[in-house]
């Protein structure tokens, strides 16, 4: 069973653009990416779009569908009303290259600024040992497919371009949390780095990043909030402050 649907697709580049309207046949069981491919095949062979696996695991086909950041390959046409127009636009937070393709290099630049995993001294690769409970604690964060939907929906940079220099975003916060929870990571200032260099304090935990994550990662509850709590404890807990004073004094006397 098929029907004809109206798609409004943004066409343009960094200089500007506008919407083009396409009337496309939609078949039962299809996803938005199927329709984009049909538009390319029948009406707009020059339509630029990124995709790879078509299985929700590569994160390439991110776009904004009726204003909501989603993966085109995981958005079924059956979720829309039969007479509803479908609007496709590129990710709003990142510079447009052409049509639905954006320059997401911001995310990789921020990733390079993060201190890498620091293995414990005296152990070689292959000698690392961890308890299963420690593996499970951060395993959730490793499901990230780097679709950057959490990044584009975060209003800290979505609505404020000037914050990009100081703010790394949710995707990098879950990476920081993963390393901070790693029992073999010898880097002891993950929280301070997240606060001072990655802009953790800008996040006001609205959970918009969690809402759009296609992997169901609880970014806010399981990564950002615990990181914020650890930073607050390290910096403002009076007992921690007193302990640091004592240890600094003892080290000085020694």
Protein backbone atom coordinates (compact mmCIF):
# COMPACT_ATOMS: atom_id res chain seq x y z
CA UNK A 1 0.00 0.00 0.00
CA UNK A 2 1.39 3.41 -0.95
CA UNK A 3 0.38 7.04 -0.88
CA UNK A 4 1.81 10.36 -2.02
CA UNK A 5 3.29 12.64 0.60
CA UNK A 6 4.67 16.18 0.48
CA UNK A 7 8.28 16.70 1.53
CA UNK A 8 9.80 20.15 2.02
CA UNK A 9 13.60 19.82 1.90
CA UNK A 10 16.01 22.65 2.60
CA UNK A 11 18.35 23.20 -0.35
CA UNK A 12 21.30 25.55 -0.21
CA UNK A 13 24.77 26.12 1.19
CA UNK A 14 26.63 28.43 3.55
CA UNK A 15 25.56 31.43 1.48
CA UNK A 16 21.87 30.69 1.97
CA UNK A 17 19.04 28.66 0.53
CA UNK A 18 15.34 27.85 0.60
CA UNK A 19 12.91 24.95 0.70
CA UNK A 20 12.10 22.80 -2.30
CA UNK A 21 8.85 20.85 -2.33
CA UNK A 22 8.64 17.26 -3.56
CA UNK A 23 5.61 15.01 -3.89
CA UNK A 24 6.87 11.51 -3.31
CA UNK A 25 5.36 8.05 -3.18
CA UNK A 26 5.63 6.47 0.27
CA UNK A 27 5.33 2.73 0.78
CA UNK A 28 4.45 0.81 3.91
CA UNK A 29 7.36 0.25 6.29
CA UNK A 30 9.60 2.96 4.89
CA UNK A 31 11.69 5.43 6.84
CA UNK A 32 12.51 9.05 6.04
CA UNK A 33 15.89 8.10 4.56
CA UNK A 34 14.12 5.84 2.04
CA UNK A 35 12.14 8.85 0.84
CA UNK A 36 15.25 11.00 0.60
CA UNK A 37 16.85 8.34 -1.59
CA UNK A 38 13.72 8.28 -3.77
CA UNK A 39 13.90 12.07 -4.15
CA UNK A 40 17.53 11.72 -5.23
CA UNK A 41 16.64 8.96 -7.69
CA UNK A 42 13.64 10.66 -9.30
CA UNK A 43 13.77 14.43 -8.87
CA UNK A 44 16.94 15.81 -7.29
CA UNK A 45 20.06 13.76 -8.03
CA UNK A 46 22.22 16.59 -6.68
CA UNK A 47 20.59 16.56 -3.23
CA UNK A 48 23.43 16.29 -0.66
CA UNK A 49 22.86 14.00 2.32
CA UNK A 50 25.10 11.87 4.55
CA UNK A 51 24.25 8.27 5.33
CA UNK A 52 26.05 4.98 5.76
CA UNK A 53 24.63 2.01 7.67
CA UNK A 54 20.88 2.70 7.47
CA UNK A 55 20.60 0.80 10.75
CA UNK A 56 20.87 3.52 13.40
CA UNK A 57 24.47 2.67 14.28
CA UNK A 58 26.71 5.09 12.35
CA UNK A 59 25.06 8.40 13.23
CA UNK A 60 25.63 9.79 9.73
CA UNK A 61 22.06 10.64 8.67
CA UNK A 62 21.29 13.16 11.41
CA UNK A 63 18.88 15.90 10.38
CA UNK A 64 16.01 17.94 11.76
CA UNK A 65 12.67 16.43 10.87
CA UNK A 66 9.80 18.84 11.45
CA UNK A 67 12.13 20.76 13.73
CA UNK A 68 13.21 17.78 15.85
CA UNK A 69 16.77 16.41 15.63
CA UNK A 70 16.52 12.74 14.58
CA UNK A 71 18.18 10.00 12.57
CA UNK A 72 16.46 9.77 9.20
CA UNK A 73 17.05 6.02 9.03
CA UNK A 74 15.26 5.46 12.34
CA UNK A 75 12.26 7.73 11.76
CA UNK A 76 9.41 5.71 10.30
CA UNK A 77 6.93 7.38 7.99
CA UNK A 78 4.13 5.65 9.89
CA UNK A 79 4.78 7.98 12.84
CA UNK A 80 3.38 10.93 10.86
CA UNK A 81 -0.23 11.70 9.98
CA UNK A 82 -1.14 10.72 6.42
CA UNK A 83 -1.80 14.34 5.37
CA UNK A 84 1.15 15.81 7.29
CA UNK A 85 3.91 17.60 5.38
CA UNK A 86 7.43 16.50 6.29
CA UNK A 87 10.07 19.21 6.58
CA UNK A 88 13.76 18.32 6.44
CA UNK A 89 16.49 20.74 7.46
CA UNK A 90 20.19 20.34 8.32
CA UNK A 91 21.35 20.34 11.94
CA UNK A 92 20.82 23.88 13.11
CA UNK A 93 23.82 24.19 15.43
CA UNK A 94 26.53 23.50 12.87
CA UNK A 95 27.57 25.34 9.68
CA UNK A 96 25.85 24.12 6.52
CA UNK A 97 28.01 22.63 3.80
CA UNK A 98 25.25 21.89 1.31
CA UNK A 99 21.61 20.87 1.60
CA UNK A 100 21.31 18.42 4.54
CA UNK A 101 25.07 18.11 5.09
CA UNK A 102 26.70 20.06 7.93
CA UNK A 103 30.27 20.67 9.06
CA UNK A 104 30.42 18.88 12.42
CA UNK A 105 34.17 19.31 12.92
CA UNK A 106 33.43 21.37 16.07
CA UNK A 107 32.79 18.09 17.90
CA UNK A 108 36.10 16.54 16.87
CA UNK A 109 38.04 19.68 17.73
CA UNK A 110 36.56 19.60 21.22
CA UNK A 111 37.33 15.88 21.53
CA UNK A 112 41.00 16.53 20.78
CA UNK A 113 41.15 18.99 23.68
CA UNK A 114 40.17 16.32 26.22
CA UNK A 115 42.97 14.57 28.13
CA UNK A 116 43.27 10.99 26.92
CA UNK A 117 42.98 7.89 29.08
CA UNK A 118 45.99 7.78 31.40
CA UNK A 119 46.92 4.17 32.27
CA UNK A 120 48.27 3.42 35.76
CA UNK A 121 52.01 3.32 36.19
CA UNK A 122 53.64 -0.05 36.27
CA UNK A 123 51.06 -1.84 34.15
CA UNK A 124 51.36 -2.75 30.50
CA UNK A 125 48.42 -3.17 28.09
CA UNK A 126 47.04 -6.65 28.72
CA UNK A 127 47.75 -6.42 32.45
CA UNK A 128 44.78 -4.18 33.22
CA UNK A 129 42.21 -5.77 35.52
CA UNK A 130 38.75 -4.41 36.34
CA UNK A 131 35.73 -5.67 38.25
CA UNK A 132 32.63 -6.32 36.13
CA UNK A 133 30.68 -3.77 38.18
CA UNK A 134 33.19 -1.11 37.11
CA UNK A 135 32.81 -2.10 33.47
CA UNK A 136 29.03 -1.87 33.70
CA UNK A 137 29.12 1.52 35.36
CA UNK A 138 30.34 3.34 32.26
CA UNK A 139 29.29 0.84 29.58
CA UNK A 140 26.17 2.89 28.82
CA UNK A 141 28.28 5.81 27.60
CA UNK A 142 30.12 3.60 25.11
CA UNK A 143 26.88 3.14 23.16
CA UNK A 144 27.28 6.66 21.75
CA UNK A 145 27.24 6.59 17.91
CA UNK A 146 28.33 10.23 17.58
CA UNK A 147 25.24 11.31 15.69
CA UNK A 148 25.62 14.67 17.49
CA UNK A 149 21.87 15.04 17.97
CA UNK A 150 22.54 15.85 21.63
CA UNK A 151 25.01 18.51 20.54
CA UNK A 152 22.69 20.19 18.07
CA UNK A 153 19.70 20.24 20.43
CA UNK A 154 21.64 21.73 23.36
CA UNK A 155 20.41 25.30 23.64
CA UNK A 156 23.72 26.46 25.15
CA UNK A 157 25.24 26.42 21.67
CA UNK A 158 22.10 25.99 19.54
CA UNK A 159 20.95 29.50 20.41
CA UNK A 160 24.29 31.04 21.37
CA UNK A 161 27.07 30.69 18.84
CA UNK A 162 29.36 32.69 21.12
CA UNK A 163 29.37 29.85 23.69
CA UNK A 164 31.05 27.35 21.38
CA UNK A 165 34.57 28.35 22.36
CA UNK A 166 33.92 27.61 26.03
CA UNK A 167 31.41 24.74 25.80
CA UNK A 168 32.11 21.20 24.61
CA UNK A 169 28.58 19.82 24.90
CA UNK A 170 26.78 16.67 26.10
CA UNK A 171 28.61 14.21 23.87
CA UNK A 172 31.95 15.22 25.42
CA UNK A 173 30.52 15.28 28.93
CA UNK A 174 29.61 11.60 28.70
CA UNK A 175 33.14 10.90 27.49
CA UNK A 176 34.52 12.83 30.48
CA UNK A 177 32.20 10.92 32.82
CA UNK A 178 33.23 7.59 31.30
CA UNK A 179 36.91 8.33 31.93
CA UNK A 180 36.21 9.77 35.38
CA UNK A 181 34.43 6.54 36.36
CA UNK A 182 37.17 4.34 34.91
CA UNK A 183 38.98 2.68 37.86
CA UNK A 184 42.28 2.48 35.93
CA UNK A 185 42.37 6.07 34.70
CA UNK A 186 45.21 7.87 36.48
CA UNK A 187 44.11 11.37 35.41
CA UNK A 188 42.77 12.84 38.65
CA UNK A 189 41.24 16.13 37.52
CA UNK A 190 38.53 15.09 35.05
CA UNK A 191 35.90 17.03 36.95
CA UNK A 192 37.95 20.19 37.13
CA UNK A 193 38.78 19.96 33.44
CA UNK A 194 35.10 19.48 32.58
CA UNK A 195 34.19 22.50 34.67
CA UNK A 196 37.00 24.86 33.71
CA UNK A 197 37.83 23.84 30.15
CA UNK A 198 34.70 22.16 28.79
CA UNK A 199 32.05 24.47 30.20
CA UNK A 200 30.19 21.97 32.38
CA UNK A 201 28.77 24.84 34.41
CA UNK A 202 26.89 26.17 31.37
CA UNK A 203 24.61 23.12 31.39
CA UNK A 204 21.37 23.71 33.30
CA UNK A 205 20.23 20.07 33.02
CA UNK A 206 17.07 20.57 30.94
CA UNK A 207 17.54 16.99 29.62
CA UNK A 208 16.97 18.02 26.01
CA UNK A 209 20.08 16.01 25.07
CA UNK A 210 18.71 12.87 26.72
CA UNK A 211 15.38 13.29 24.94
CA UNK A 212 16.92 13.06 21.45
CA UNK A 213 19.53 10.34 22.05
CA UNK A 214 18.73 7.43 19.70
CA UNK A 215 20.68 5.03 21.93
CA UNK A 216 18.67 5.92 25.02
CA UNK A 217 21.73 7.08 26.98
CA UNK A 218 20.67 8.94 30.11
CA UNK A 219 23.14 11.72 29.44
CA UNK A 220 21.86 14.13 32.06
CA UNK A 221 21.03 11.76 34.93
CA UNK A 222 23.94 9.35 34.62
CA UNK A 223 26.77 11.57 33.33
CA UNK A 224 26.25 15.32 33.65
CA UNK A 225 24.60 15.46 37.07
CA UNK A 226 27.13 13.09 38.72
CA UNK A 227 29.97 15.15 37.21
CA UNK A 228 28.44 18.34 38.56
CA UNK A 229 28.03 16.75 41.99
CA UNK A 230 31.66 15.61 42.08
CA UNK A 231 32.90 19.06 41.09
CA UNK A 232 30.72 20.69 43.74
CA UNK A 233 31.97 18.22 46.36
CA UNK A 234 35.62 18.73 45.44
CA UNK A 235 35.37 22.51 45.46
CA UNK A 236 32.78 23.42 48.05
CA UNK A 237 32.55 20.58 50.58
CA UNK A 238 34.08 22.03 53.78
CA UNK A 239 35.56 18.68 54.82
CA UNK A 240 37.28 18.25 51.46
CA UNK A 241 38.56 21.85 51.69
CA UNK A 242 39.91 21.24 55.21
CA UNK A 243 41.55 17.98 54.18
CA UNK A 244 43.35 19.69 51.31
CA UNK A 245 44.55 22.40 53.64
CA UNK A 246 45.95 19.82 56.07
CA UNK A 247 47.65 17.71 53.38
CA UNK A 248 49.15 20.80 51.76
CA UNK A 249 50.48 21.94 55.10
CA UNK A 250 51.93 18.51 55.91
CA UNK A 251 53.59 18.32 52.51
CA UNK A 252 55.08 21.77 53.06
CA UNK A 253 56.45 20.86 56.49
CA UNK A 254 57.97 17.68 55.12
